[in-house]
């Protein structure tokens, strides 16, 4: 009985450590993805506004 409890405790600790280690590896990747998404979201309105300005200028000219 005690061996099962000790084994379960060790298994739980190993699982928790492995989960933290895998999260630590993915964290910079997730940050890079979020930065890319934010930058692309910021660039799209600027590019759309520029294209609308060009179109409006062409229609007026």
C-alpha atoms as a PDB file:
ATOM      1  CA  UNK A   1       0.000   0.000   0.000  1.00  0.00           C
ATOM      2  CA  UNK A   2       2.768   2.435   0.931  1.00  0.00           C
ATOM      3  CA  UNK A   3       4.653   1.588  -2.259  1.00  0.00           C
ATOM      4  CA  UNK A   4       1.595   2.469  -4.358  1.00  0.00           C
ATOM      5  CA  UNK A   5       1.242   5.819  -2.592  1.00  0.00           C
ATOM      6  CA  UNK A   6       4.943   6.597  -3.031  1.00  0.00           C
ATOM      7  CA  UNK A   7       4.842   5.520  -6.686  1.00  0.00           C
ATOM      8  CA  UNK A   8       1.751   7.635  -7.349  1.00  0.00           C
ATOM      9  CA  UNK A   9       3.358  10.631  -5.657  1.00  0.00           C
ATOM     10  CA  UNK A  10       6.546  10.271  -7.692  1.00  0.00           C
ATOM     11  CA  UNK A  11       4.544   9.852 -10.899  1.00  0.00           C
ATOM     12  CA  UNK A  12       2.494  12.972 -10.125  1.00  0.00           C
ATOM     13  CA  UNK A  13       5.633  14.972  -9.392  1.00  0.00           C
ATOM     14  CA  UNK A  14       7.295  13.786 -12.612  1.00  0.00           C
ATOM     15  CA  UNK A  15       4.186  14.651 -14.604  1.00  0.00           C
ATOM     16  CA  UNK A  16       4.033  18.136 -13.091  1.00  0.00           C
ATOM     17  CA  UNK A  17       7.714  18.768 -13.829  1.00  0.00           C
ATOM     18  CA  UNK A  18       7.324  17.541 -17.410  1.00  0.00           C
ATOM     19  CA  UNK A  19       4.271  19.752 -17.932  1.00  0.00           C
ATOM     20  CA  UNK A  20       6.130  22.812 -16.661  1.00  0.00           C
ATOM     21  CA  UNK A  21       9.151  22.031 -18.826  1.00  0.00           C
ATOM     22  CA  UNK A  22       7.048  21.656 -21.968  1.00  0.00           C
ATOM     23  CA  UNK A  23       5.225  24.904 -21.232  1.00  0.00           C
ATOM     24  CA  UNK A  24       8.524  26.705 -20.737  1.00  0.00           C
ATOM     25  CA  UNK A  25       9.672  25.505 -24.172  1.00  0.00           C
ATOM     26  CA  UNK A  26       6.500  26.681 -25.883  1.00  0.00           C
ATOM     27  CA  UNK A  27       6.288  30.019 -24.122  1.00  0.00           C
ATOM     28  CA  UNK A  28       8.754  31.905 -26.376  1.00  0.00           C
ATOM     29  CA  UNK A  29       7.062  30.393 -29.424  1.00  0.00           C
ATOM     30  CA  UNK A  30       3.692  31.626 -28.239  1.00  0.00           C
ATOM     31  CA  UNK A  31       5.120  35.073 -27.568  1.00  0.00           C
ATOM     32  CA  UNK A  32       6.558  35.196 -31.081  1.00  0.00           C
ATOM     33  CA  UNK A  33       3.214  34.149 -32.552  1.00  0.00           C
ATOM     34  CA  UNK A  34       1.376  36.791 -30.561  1.00  0.00           C
ATOM     35  CA  UNK A  35       3.849  39.476 -31.633  1.00  0.00           C
ATOM     36  CA  UNK A  36       3.455  38.434 -35.274  1.00  0.00           C
ATOM     37  CA  UNK A  37      -0.324  38.562 -34.986  1.00  0.00           C
ATOM     38  CA  UNK A  38      -0.264  41.984 -33.350  1.00  0.00           C
ATOM     39  CA  UNK A  39       2.130  43.373 -35.951  1.00  0.00           C
ATOM     40  CA  UNK A  40       0.084  42.016 -38.841  1.00  0.00           C
ATOM     41  CA  UNK A  41      -3.095  43.388 -37.291  1.00  0.00           C
ATOM     42  CA  UNK A  42      -1.477  46.810 -36.958  1.00  0.00           C
ATOM     43  CA  UNK A  43      -0.151  46.780 -40.525  1.00  0.00           C
ATOM     44  CA  UNK A  44      -3.413  45.770 -42.215  1.00  0.00           C
ATOM     45  CA  UNK A  45      -5.382  48.946 -41.417  1.00  0.00           C
ATOM     46  CA  UNK A  46      -2.403  51.066 -42.469  1.00  0.00           C
ATOM     47  CA  UNK A  47      -2.094  49.242 -45.785  1.00  0.00           C
ATOM     48  CA  UNK A  48      -5.853  49.425 -46.352  1.00  0.00           C
ATOM     49  CA  UNK A  49      -5.925  53.134 -45.582  1.00  0.00           C
ATOM     50  CA  UNK A  50      -3.054  53.728 -47.987  1.00  0.00           C
ATOM     51  CA  UNK A  51      -4.796  51.807 -50.767  1.00  0.00           C
ATOM     52  CA  UNK A  52      -8.047  53.717 -50.150  1.00  0.00           C
ATOM     53  CA  UNK A  53      -6.136  57.004 -50.330  1.00  0.00           C
ATOM     54  CA  UNK A  54      -4.573  55.987 -53.621  1.00  0.00           C
ATOM     55  CA  UNK A  55      -7.968  54.945 -54.998  1.00  0.00           C
ATOM     56  CA  UNK A  56      -9.619  58.161 -53.840  1.00  0.00           C
ATOM     57  CA  UNK A  57      -6.839  60.249 -55.379  1.00  0.00           C
ATOM     58  CA  UNK A  58      -7.140  58.357 -58.649  1.00  0.00           C
ATOM     59  CA  UNK A  59     -10.914  58.946 -58.751  1.00  0.00           C
ATOM     60  CA  UNK A  60     -10.513  62.658 -58.071  1.00  0.00           C
ATOM     61  CA  UNK A  61      -7.698  63.067 -60.567  1.00  0.00           C
END
